[in-house]
C-alpha atoms as a PDB file:
ATOM      1  CA  UNK A   1     121.251 138.158 129.809  1.00  0.00           C
ATOM      2  CA  UNK A   2     118.862 136.523 127.615  1.00  0.00           C
ATOM      3  CA  UNK A   3     117.841 132.923 128.321  1.00  0.00           C
ATOM      4  CA  UNK A   4     119.654 130.114 126.524  1.00  0.00           C
ATOM      5  CA  UNK A   5     117.824 128.466 123.646  1.00  0.00           C
ATOM      6  CA  UNK A   6     116.791 124.882 124.407  1.00  0.00           C
ATOM      7  CA  UNK A   7     117.053 122.074 121.800  1.00  0.00           C
ATOM      8  CA  UNK A   8     115.214 118.954 122.983  1.00  0.00           C
ATOM      9  CA  UNK A   9     115.729 115.845 120.708  1.00  0.00           C
ATOM     10  CA  UNK A  10     112.753 113.184 119.859  1.00  0.00           C
ATOM     11  CA  UNK A  11     113.772 109.774 121.819  1.00  0.00           C
ATOM     12  CA  UNK A  12     113.736 108.035 118.246  1.00  0.00           C
ATOM     13  CA  UNK A  13     115.707 109.576 115.333  1.00  0.00           C
ATOM     14  CA  UNK A  14     118.215 109.083 112.656  1.00  0.00           C
ATOM     15  CA  UNK A  15     119.736 105.857 111.144  1.00  0.00           C
ATOM     16  CA  UNK A  16     117.329 103.027 110.765  1.00  0.00           C
ATOM     17  CA  UNK A  17     118.835  99.337 111.264  1.00  0.00           C
ATOM     18  CA  UNK A  18     119.052  98.884 107.736  1.00  0.00           C
ATOM     19  CA  UNK A  19     120.828 102.143 106.976  1.00  0.00           C
ATOM     20  CA  UNK A  20     123.286 101.904 109.613  1.00  0.00           C
ATOM     21  CA  UNK A  21     124.188  98.613 108.355  1.00  0.00           C
ATOM     22  CA  UNK A  22     124.782  99.226 104.802  1.00  0.00           C
ATOM     23  CA  UNK A  23     126.602 102.197 105.673  1.00  0.00           C
ATOM     24  CA  UNK A  24     129.080  99.910 107.540  1.00  0.00           C
ATOM     25  CA  UNK A  25     129.013  97.737 104.980  1.00  0.00           C
ATOM     26  CA  UNK A  26     130.583 100.408 102.513  1.00  0.00           C
ATOM     27  CA  UNK A  27     133.016 101.768 105.094  1.00  0.00           C
ATOM     28  CA  UNK A  28     134.445  98.035 105.411  1.00  0.00           C
ATOM     29  CA  UNK A  29     134.704  97.693 101.761  1.00  0.00           C
ATOM     30  CA  UNK A  30     136.615 101.236 101.428  1.00  0.00           C
ATOM     31  CA  UNK A  31     138.998  99.741 104.170  1.00  0.00           C
ATOM     32  CA  UNK A  32     139.646  96.723 102.278  1.00  0.00           C
ATOM     33  CA  UNK A  33     143.083  96.279 100.614  1.00  0.00           C
ATOM     34  CA  UNK A  34     141.565  95.749  97.055  1.00  0.00           C
ATOM     35  CA  UNK A  35     142.364  96.712  93.741  1.00  0.00           C
ATOM     36  CA  UNK A  36     138.651  96.784  92.360  1.00  0.00           C
ATOM     37  CA  UNK A  37     136.535  99.835  91.981  1.00  0.00           C
ATOM     38  CA  UNK A  38     133.696 100.151  94.461  1.00  0.00           C
ATOM     39  CA  UNK A  39     130.244 101.249  93.495  1.00  0.00           C
ATOM     40  CA  UNK A  40     126.723 101.177  95.200  1.00  0.00           C
ATOM     41  CA  UNK A  41     123.461 100.370  93.242  1.00  0.00           C
ATOM     42  CA  UNK A  42     122.012 103.899  92.965  1.00  0.00           C
ATOM     43  CA  UNK A  43     122.400 106.251  95.579  1.00  0.00           C
ATOM     44  CA  UNK A  44     123.019 104.438  98.999  1.00  0.00           C
ATOM     45  CA  UNK A  45     120.575 106.349 100.924  1.00  0.00           C
ATOM     46  CA  UNK A  46     118.381 109.361 100.558  1.00  0.00           C
ATOM     47  CA  UNK A  47     120.728 112.063 102.062  1.00  0.00           C
ATOM     48  CA  UNK A  48     122.815 114.380  99.821  1.00  0.00           C
ATOM     49  CA  UNK A  49     125.626 114.942 102.450  1.00  0.00           C
ATOM     50  CA  UNK A  50     126.246 111.239 103.095  1.00  0.00           C
ATOM     51  CA  UNK A  51     126.562 110.510  99.162  1.00  0.00           C
ATOM     52  CA  UNK A  52     128.866 113.700  98.819  1.00  0.00           C
ATOM     53  CA  UNK A  53     131.251 112.161 101.360  1.00  0.00           C
ATOM     54  CA  UNK A  54     131.047 108.582  99.616  1.00  0.00           C
ATOM     55  CA  UNK A  55     132.013 110.042  96.471  1.00  0.00           C
ATOM     56  CA  UNK A  56     134.910 111.882  97.955  1.00  0.00           C
ATOM     57  CA  UNK A  57     136.086 108.660  99.272  1.00  0.00           C
ATOM     58  CA  UNK A  58     136.229 107.185  95.843  1.00  0.00           C
ATOM     59  CA  UNK A  59     132.683 105.248  95.877  1.00  0.00           C
ATOM     60  CA  UNK A  60     130.959 105.515  92.686  1.00  0.00           C
ATOM     61  CA  UNK A  61     127.287 104.459  92.177  1.00  0.00           C
ATOM     62  CA  UNK A  62     125.510 102.640  88.910  1.00  0.00           C
ATOM     63  CA  UNK A  63     122.198 101.318  88.379  1.00  0.00           C
ATOM     64  CA  UNK A  64     123.093  99.180  85.355  1.00  0.00           C
ATOM     65  CA  UNK A  65     126.047  96.637  84.580  1.00  0.00           C
ATOM     66  CA  UNK A  66     126.994  98.679  81.229  1.00  0.00           C
ATOM     67  CA  UNK A  67     127.888 101.700  83.331  1.00  0.00           C
ATOM     68  CA  UNK A  68     131.320 100.624  84.161  1.00  0.00           C
ATOM     69  CA  UNK A  69     133.662  97.821  83.725  1.00  0.00           C
ATOM     70  CA  UNK A  70     133.152  95.495  86.677  1.00  0.00           C
ATOM     71  CA  UNK A  71     134.084  95.663  90.297  1.00  0.00           C
ATOM     72  CA  UNK A  72     132.108  95.579  93.643  1.00  0.00           C
ATOM     73  CA  UNK A  73     128.841  96.695  94.158  1.00  0.00           C
ATOM     74  CA  UNK A  74     126.997  97.190  97.311  1.00  0.00           C
ATOM     75  CA  UNK A  75     123.390  96.445  97.187  1.00  0.00           C
ATOM     76  CA  UNK A  76     121.728  99.345  99.090  1.00  0.00           C
ATOM     77  CA  UNK A  77     119.201  98.718 102.307  1.00  0.00           C
ATOM     78  CA  UNK A  78     116.133  99.263  99.623  1.00  0.00           C
ATOM     79  CA  UNK A  79     117.310  96.295  97.961  1.00  0.00           C
ATOM     80  CA  UNK A  80     117.397  95.344  94.073  1.00  0.00           C
ATOM     81  CA  UNK A  81     114.926  93.583  91.490  1.00  0.00           C
ATOM     82  CA  UNK A  82     116.088  90.062  91.154  1.00  0.00           C
ATOM     83  CA  UNK A  83     116.436  90.752  87.288  1.00  0.00           C
ATOM     84  CA  UNK A  84     119.241  93.612  88.031  1.00  0.00           C
ATOM     85  CA  UNK A  85     120.889  91.402  90.438  1.00  0.00           C
ATOM     86  CA  UNK A  86     121.211  88.557  87.962  1.00  0.00           C
ATOM     87  CA  UNK A  87     122.464  90.917  85.468  1.00  0.00           C
ATOM     88  CA  UNK A  88     125.189  92.278  87.728  1.00  0.00           C
ATOM     89  CA  UNK A  89     126.100  88.753  88.284  1.00  0.00           C
ATOM     90  CA  UNK A  90     126.443  87.743  84.767  1.00  0.00           C
ATOM     91  CA  UNK A  91     128.553  90.772  84.217  1.00  0.00           C
ATOM     92  CA  UNK A  92     131.112  89.592  86.527  1.00  0.00           C
ATOM     93  CA  UNK A  93     130.349  92.172  89.317  1.00  0.00           C
ATOM     94  CA  UNK A  94     130.984  91.112  93.061  1.00  0.00           C
ATOM     95  CA  UNK A  95     127.796  91.667  94.709  1.00  0.00           C
ATOM     96  CA  UNK A  96     128.161  93.051  98.417  1.00  0.00           C
ATOM     97  CA  UNK A  97     124.666  92.361  99.995  1.00  0.00           C
ATOM     98  CA  UNK A  98     123.432  95.200 102.178  1.00  0.00           C
ATOM     99  CA  UNK A  99     119.564  94.795 101.656  1.00  0.00           C
ATOM    100  CA  UNK A 100     117.822  95.258 105.005  1.00  0.00           C
ATOM    101  CA  UNK A 101     116.597  91.976 106.219  1.00  0.00           C
ATOM    102  CA  UNK A 102     113.221  93.507 106.512  1.00  0.00           C
ATOM    103  CA  UNK A 103     113.168  94.264 102.795  1.00  0.00           C
ATOM    104  CA  UNK A 104     114.693  90.824 102.171  1.00  0.00           C
ATOM    105  CA  UNK A 105     111.808  89.114 104.173  1.00  0.00           C
ATOM    106  CA  UNK A 106     109.182  91.165 102.234  1.00  0.00           C
ATOM    107  CA  UNK A 107     110.666  89.802  98.846  1.00  0.00           C
ATOM    108  CA  UNK A 108     110.910  86.236 100.210  1.00  0.00           C
ATOM    109  CA  UNK A 109     107.313  86.302 101.200  1.00  0.00           C
ATOM    110  CA  UNK A 110     105.994  87.844  97.818  1.00  0.00           C
ATOM    111  CA  UNK A 111     108.155  85.171  95.799  1.00  0.00           C
ATOM    112  CA  UNK A 112     106.636  82.552  98.193  1.00  0.00           C
ATOM    113  CA  UNK A 113     102.958  83.499  97.811  1.00  0.00           C
ATOM    114  CA  UNK A 114     103.391  84.581  94.168  1.00  0.00           C
ATOM    115  CA  UNK A 115     104.754  80.857  93.422  1.00  0.00           C
ATOM    116  CA  UNK A 116     101.294  79.852  94.918  1.00  0.00           C
ATOM    117  CA  UNK A 117      99.390  81.857  92.444  1.00  0.00           C
ATOM    118  CA  UNK A 118      98.521  84.534  94.843  1.00  0.00           C
ATOM    119  CA  UNK A 119      97.494  88.135  93.680  1.00  0.00           C
ATOM    120  CA  UNK A 120      99.913  90.545  95.295  1.00  0.00           C
ATOM    121  CA  UNK A 121      98.696  94.185  96.505  1.00  0.00           C
ATOM    122  CA  UNK A 122     102.030  96.337  97.499  1.00  0.00           C
ATOM    123  CA  UNK A 123     101.211  99.490  99.461  1.00  0.00           C
ATOM    124  CA  UNK A 124     103.908 101.805  98.865  1.00  0.00           C
ATOM    125  CA  UNK A 125     105.540 104.426  96.308  1.00  0.00           C
ATOM    126  CA  UNK A 126     105.935 102.704  93.171  1.00  0.00           C
ATOM    127  CA  UNK A 127     109.063 104.954  92.443  1.00  0.00           C
ATOM    128  CA  UNK A 128     110.624 103.824  95.552  1.00  0.00           C
ATOM    129  CA  UNK A 129     113.919 101.362  95.214  1.00  0.00           C
ATOM    130  CA  UNK A 130     112.442  99.201  97.903  1.00  0.00           C
ATOM    131  CA  UNK A 131     109.058  98.923  96.095  1.00  0.00           C
ATOM    132  CA  UNK A 132     110.586  97.954  92.831  1.00  0.00           C
ATOM    133  CA  UNK A 133     112.664  95.420  94.464  1.00  0.00           C
ATOM    134  CA  UNK A 134     109.632  93.722  95.979  1.00  0.00           C
ATOM    135  CA  UNK A 135     107.577  93.965  92.712  1.00  0.00           C
ATOM    136  CA  UNK A 136     110.383  92.058  91.050  1.00  0.00           C
ATOM    137  CA  UNK A 137     109.611  88.805  93.163  1.00  0.00           C
ATOM    138  CA  UNK A 138     106.005  89.018  92.211  1.00  0.00           C
ATOM    139  CA  UNK A 139     104.340  87.558  89.319  1.00  0.00           C
ATOM    140  CA  UNK A 140     100.860  89.047  89.515  1.00  0.00           C
ATOM    141  CA  UNK A 141     100.737  92.547  91.364  1.00  0.00           C
ATOM    142  CA  UNK A 142      99.310  95.794  91.848  1.00  0.00           C
ATOM    143  CA  UNK A 143     101.313  98.727  93.655  1.00  0.00           C
ATOM    144  CA  UNK A 144      98.994 101.245  95.430  1.00  0.00           C
ATOM    145  CA  UNK A 145      99.588 104.132  97.870  1.00  0.00           C
ATOM    146  CA  UNK A 146      96.247 105.900  98.560  1.00  0.00           C
ATOM    147  CA  UNK A 147      92.864 105.196  99.994  1.00  0.00           C
ATOM    148  CA  UNK A 148      91.121 106.088  96.858  1.00  0.00           C
ATOM    149  CA  UNK A 149      93.384 103.399  94.704  1.00  0.00           C
ATOM    150  CA  UNK A 150      92.673 100.601  97.448  1.00  0.00           C
ATOM    151  CA  UNK A 151      88.784 101.268  96.944  1.00  0.00           C
ATOM    152  CA  UNK A 152      89.394 100.355  93.337  1.00  0.00           C
ATOM    153  CA  UNK A 153      92.164  97.487  92.885  1.00  0.00           C
ATOM    154  CA  UNK A 154      91.375  94.060  92.470  1.00  0.00           C
ATOM    155  CA  UNK A 155      91.117  91.944  95.518  1.00  0.00           C
ATOM    156  CA  UNK A 156      89.157  88.863  94.579  1.00  0.00           C
ATOM    157  CA  UNK A 157      90.471  85.416  95.446  1.00  0.00           C
ATOM    158  CA  UNK A 158      93.689  84.652  97.109  1.00  0.00           C
ATOM    159  CA  UNK A 159      95.405  88.153  97.866  1.00  0.00           C
ATOM    160  CA  UNK A 160      98.335  89.183  99.960  1.00  0.00           C
ATOM    161  CA  UNK A 161      98.715  92.656 100.894  1.00  0.00           C
ATOM    162  CA  UNK A 162     102.196  93.744 101.976  1.00  0.00           C
ATOM    163  CA  UNK A 163     103.566  97.370 102.832  1.00  0.00           C
ATOM    164  CA  UNK A 164     106.960  99.418 102.238  1.00  0.00           C
ATOM    165  CA  UNK A 165     108.961  99.083 105.249  1.00  0.00           C
ATOM    166  CA  UNK A 166     108.747 103.164 105.885  1.00  0.00           C
ATOM    167  CA  UNK A 167     105.299 103.465 105.020  1.00  0.00           C
ATOM    168  CA  UNK A 168     103.119 105.217 107.722  1.00  0.00           C
ATOM    169  CA  UNK A 169     101.420 102.698 109.836  1.00  0.00           C
ATOM    170  CA  UNK A 170      98.265 104.839 110.207  1.00  0.00           C
ATOM    171  CA  UNK A 171      98.203 104.984 106.368  1.00  0.00           C
ATOM    172  CA  UNK A 172      98.720 101.423 106.196  1.00  0.00           C
ATOM    173  CA  UNK A 173      95.632 100.672 108.511  1.00  0.00           C
ATOM    174  CA  UNK A 174      93.398 102.841 106.792  1.00  0.00           C
ATOM    175  CA  UNK A 175      94.050 101.190 103.331  1.00  0.00           C
ATOM    176  CA  UNK A 176      93.986  97.488 104.815  1.00  0.00           C
ATOM    177  CA  UNK A 177      90.491  98.290 106.379  1.00  0.00           C
ATOM    178  CA  UNK A 178      89.217  99.368 102.819  1.00  0.00           C
ATOM    179  CA  UNK A 179      90.706  95.956 101.175  1.00  0.00           C
ATOM    180  CA  UNK A 180      89.292  94.028 103.977  1.00  0.00           C
ATOM    181  CA  UNK A 181      85.994  95.409 103.691  1.00  0.00           C
ATOM    182  CA  UNK A 182      86.060  94.411  99.970  1.00  0.00           C
ATOM    183  CA  UNK A 183      87.513  90.865 100.617  1.00  0.00           C
ATOM    184  CA  UNK A 184      87.637  89.948 104.305  1.00  0.00           C
ATOM    185  CA  UNK A 185      89.784  86.834 103.295  1.00  0.00           C
ATOM    186  CA  UNK A 186      92.781  88.729 102.290  1.00  0.00           C
ATOM    187  CA  UNK A 187      95.942  88.238 103.930  1.00  0.00           C
ATOM    188  CA  UNK A 188      97.831  91.254 105.266  1.00  0.00           C
ATOM    189  CA  UNK A 189     101.615  91.435 106.233  1.00  0.00           C
ATOM    190  CA  UNK A 190     102.809  93.565 108.859  1.00  0.00           C
ATOM    191  CA  UNK A 191     105.742  94.519 107.133  1.00  0.00           C
ATOM    192  CA  UNK A 192     106.429  97.991 108.567  1.00  0.00           C
ATOM    193  CA  UNK A 193     109.638  98.700 110.335  1.00  0.00           C
ATOM    194  CA  UNK A 194     108.756  99.469 114.299  1.00  0.00           C
ATOM    195  CA  UNK A 195     111.317 102.369 113.948  1.00  0.00           C
ATOM    196  CA  UNK A 196     109.002 103.892 111.606  1.00  0.00           C
ATOM    197  CA  UNK A 197     106.069 104.125 113.999  1.00  0.00           C
ATOM    198  CA  UNK A 198     108.427 104.844 116.645  1.00  0.00           C
ATOM    199  CA  UNK A 199     109.850 107.948 115.115  1.00  0.00           C
ATOM    200  CA  UNK A 200     106.269 109.149 114.310  1.00  0.00           C
ATOM    201  CA  UNK A 201     104.872 108.443 118.028  1.00  0.00           C
ATOM    202  CA  UNK A 202     108.077 110.042 119.276  1.00  0.00           C
ATOM    203  CA  UNK A 203     107.693 113.185 117.479  1.00  0.00           C
ATOM    204  CA  UNK A 204     104.100 113.401 118.220  1.00  0.00           C
ATOM    205  CA  UNK A 205     105.077 113.226 122.170  1.00  0.00           C
ATOM    206  CA  UNK A 206     107.547 116.045 121.522  1.00  0.00           C
ATOM    207  CA  UNK A 207     105.213 118.420 119.751  1.00  0.00           C
ATOM    208  CA  UNK A 208     103.559 119.177 123.174  1.00  0.00           C
ATOM    209  CA  UNK A 209     106.793 120.275 124.924  1.00  0.00           C
ATOM    210  CA  UNK A 210     108.386 122.648 122.216  1.00  0.00           C
ATOM    211  CA  UNK A 211     107.356 125.832 120.260  1.00  0.00           C
ATOM    212  CA  UNK A 212     108.596 124.779 116.817  1.00  0.00           C
ATOM    213  CA  UNK A 213     110.178 121.702 115.257  1.00  0.00           C
ATOM    214  CA  UNK A 214     113.093 121.061 112.921  1.00  0.00           C
ATOM    215  CA  UNK A 215     112.913 117.795 110.769  1.00  0.00           C
ATOM    216  CA  UNK A 216     116.433 116.840 109.445  1.00  0.00           C
ATOM    217  CA  UNK A 217     116.935 114.800 106.364  1.00  0.00           C
ATOM    218  CA  UNK A 218     117.254 114.510 102.826  1.00  0.00           C
ATOM    219  CA  UNK A 219     114.778 115.983 100.703  1.00  0.00           C
ATOM    220  CA  UNK A 220     114.036 112.679  98.889  1.00  0.00           C
ATOM    221  CA  UNK A 221     113.805 110.829 101.875  1.00  0.00           C
ATOM    222  CA  UNK A 222     110.235 109.488 101.995  1.00  0.00           C
ATOM    223  CA  UNK A 223     109.924 108.834 105.780  1.00  0.00           C
ATOM    224  CA  UNK A 224     111.570 112.233 106.533  1.00  0.00           C
ATOM    225  CA  UNK A 225     108.777 113.866 104.288  1.00  0.00           C
ATOM    226  CA  UNK A 226     106.256 111.966 106.657  1.00  0.00           C
ATOM    227  CA  UNK A 227     107.734 113.240 109.635  1.00  0.00           C
ATOM    228  CA  UNK A 228     107.489 116.976 108.496  1.00  0.00           C
ATOM    229  CA  UNK A 229     103.980 116.397 107.280  1.00  0.00           C
ATOM    230  CA  UNK A 230     103.181 115.095 110.998  1.00  0.00           C
ATOM    231  CA  UNK A 231     104.529 117.946 112.532  1.00  0.00           C
ATOM    232  CA  UNK A 232     102.889 120.542 109.969  1.00  0.00           C
ATOM    233  CA  UNK A 233      99.657 118.885 110.442  1.00  0.00           C
ATOM    234  CA  UNK A 234      99.564 119.915 114.121  1.00  0.00           C
ATOM    235  CA  UNK A 235     100.093 123.583 113.092  1.00  0.00           C
ATOM    236  CA  UNK A 236     103.383 123.920 115.004  1.00  0.00           C
ATOM    237  CA  UNK A 237     105.905 125.868 113.079  1.00  0.00           C
ATOM    238  CA  UNK A 238     108.150 123.684 111.489  1.00  0.00           C
ATOM    239  CA  UNK A 239     110.923 122.923 108.979  1.00  0.00           C
ATOM    240  CA  UNK A 240     112.403 120.368 106.799  1.00  0.00           C
ATOM    241  CA  UNK A 241     116.079 120.973 106.440  1.00  0.00           C
ATOM    242  CA  UNK A 242     119.004 119.008 104.996  1.00  0.00           C
ATOM    243  CA  UNK A 243     121.787 120.845 106.440  1.00  0.00           C
ATOM    244  CA  UNK A 244     122.786 123.929 108.747  1.00  0.00           C
ATOM    245  CA  UNK A 245     122.800 126.533 105.740  1.00  0.00           C
ATOM    246  CA  UNK A 246     118.894 125.605 105.414  1.00  0.00           C
ATOM    247  CA  UNK A 247     117.909 126.907 109.065  1.00  0.00           C
ATOM    248  CA  UNK A 248     115.818 129.781 108.684  1.00  0.00           C
ATOM    249  CA  UNK A 249     116.359 133.125 110.833  1.00  0.00           C
ATOM    250  CA  UNK A 250     113.040 133.095 112.046  1.00  0.00           C
ATOM    251  CA  UNK A 251     113.963 129.861 114.306  1.00  0.00           C
ATOM    252  CA  UNK A 252     115.634 132.586 116.589  1.00  0.00           C
ATOM    253  CA  UNK A 253     112.172 133.752 117.755  1.00  0.00           C
ATOM    254  CA  UNK A 254     111.729 130.540 119.562  1.00  0.00           C
ATOM    255  CA  UNK A 255     113.118 129.493 123.017  1.00  0.00           C
ATOM    256  CA  UNK A 256     112.600 125.673 122.912  1.00  0.00           C
ATOM    257  CA  UNK A 257     112.850 124.009 119.693  1.00  0.00           C
ATOM    258  CA  UNK A 258     112.217 120.198 118.879  1.00  0.00           C
ATOM    259  CA  UNK A 259     114.689 118.267 116.551  1.00  0.00           C
ATOM    260  CA  UNK A 260     113.622 114.806 114.929  1.00  0.00           C
ATOM    261  CA  UNK A 261     115.533 113.132 111.863  1.00  0.00           C
ATOM    262  CA  UNK A 262     114.790 110.526 109.425  1.00  0.00           C
ATOM    263  CA  UNK A 263     116.179 107.198 109.234  1.00  0.00           C
ATOM    264  CA  UNK A 264     118.859 108.294 106.298  1.00  0.00           C
ATOM    265  CA  UNK A 265     120.183 111.275 108.528  1.00  0.00           C
ATOM    266  CA  UNK A 266     123.665 110.474 110.353  1.00  0.00           C
ATOM    267  CA  UNK A 267     124.274 111.584 113.936  1.00  0.00           C
ATOM    268  CA  UNK A 268     126.941 114.180 112.967  1.00  0.00           C
ATOM    269  CA  UNK A 269     124.328 115.964 110.663  1.00  0.00           C
ATOM    270  CA  UNK A 270     121.872 115.972 113.562  1.00  0.00           C
ATOM    271  CA  UNK A 271     124.406 117.311 115.831  1.00  0.00           C
ATOM    272  CA  UNK A 272     125.719 120.206 113.502  1.00  0.00           C
ATOM    273  CA  UNK A 273     122.224 121.281 113.218  1.00  0.00           C
ATOM    274  CA  UNK A 274     121.720 121.090 117.132  1.00  0.00           C
ATOM    275  CA  UNK A 275     124.587 123.242 117.512  1.00  0.00           C
ATOM    276  CA  UNK A 276     123.586 125.691 115.046  1.00  0.00           C
ATOM    277  CA  UNK A 277     120.135 126.136 116.463  1.00  0.00           C
ATOM    278  CA  UNK A 278     121.693 126.840 119.903  1.00  0.00           C
ATOM    279  CA  UNK A 279     123.725 129.651 118.608  1.00  0.00           C
ATOM    280  CA  UNK A 280     121.167 131.404 116.495  1.00  0.00           C
END
């Protein structure tokens, strides 16, 4: 009889605090006895399977008030640009707050320092919803993502540096060191969610115990991609999958396989992947 395949999960994985909260908020809105249509501001989270389930329950998604004729709109964990929030309110929508508390804090911090005339450097993906929401609170800002960009950005005078909450802490530290070398007086905000670092550390700990790794999560999820790249850099065989049908046949060669998942990956998806790997 062949030896049963062992699947080992990382100690920290799956839904983050903000994502878990906003999913529950939407579920509560679905269950309410209401006559108004329900929308989310853009895709609620970076996970195709979750979005499909919400669509099946009648939840739409819009990014501009003119895309619908009013109703309730849940602000996703990434937050919303203040101007866009104002537009939805003025159009008569009922706004349901789902912004992650850490993102709200980042917005409040940037707004406070901007009003004092400080220059703001945002470290993150300029195309990410959270970064756009934070940018909306700044009067004078630059958004960077790489060490190369940090070497050329303006850092004179009073400068505040703040990061996208799901950024790799190692990346942020490297960029901050460069900025500090250019202006020792900059103020750095430790805005990265602790769970982001814990997922990375937990994965690194797991890699030494398994023969291969499967990273579960949306293909458009930045923190999931970073987990995959972390595994890939070690040289261990690894795959980034969204669903069971993406599991490669070659996984069947390995007896001990590790699983981790990004912040937008629900437990039921992780469970399905684990069962499928065991049955290979």
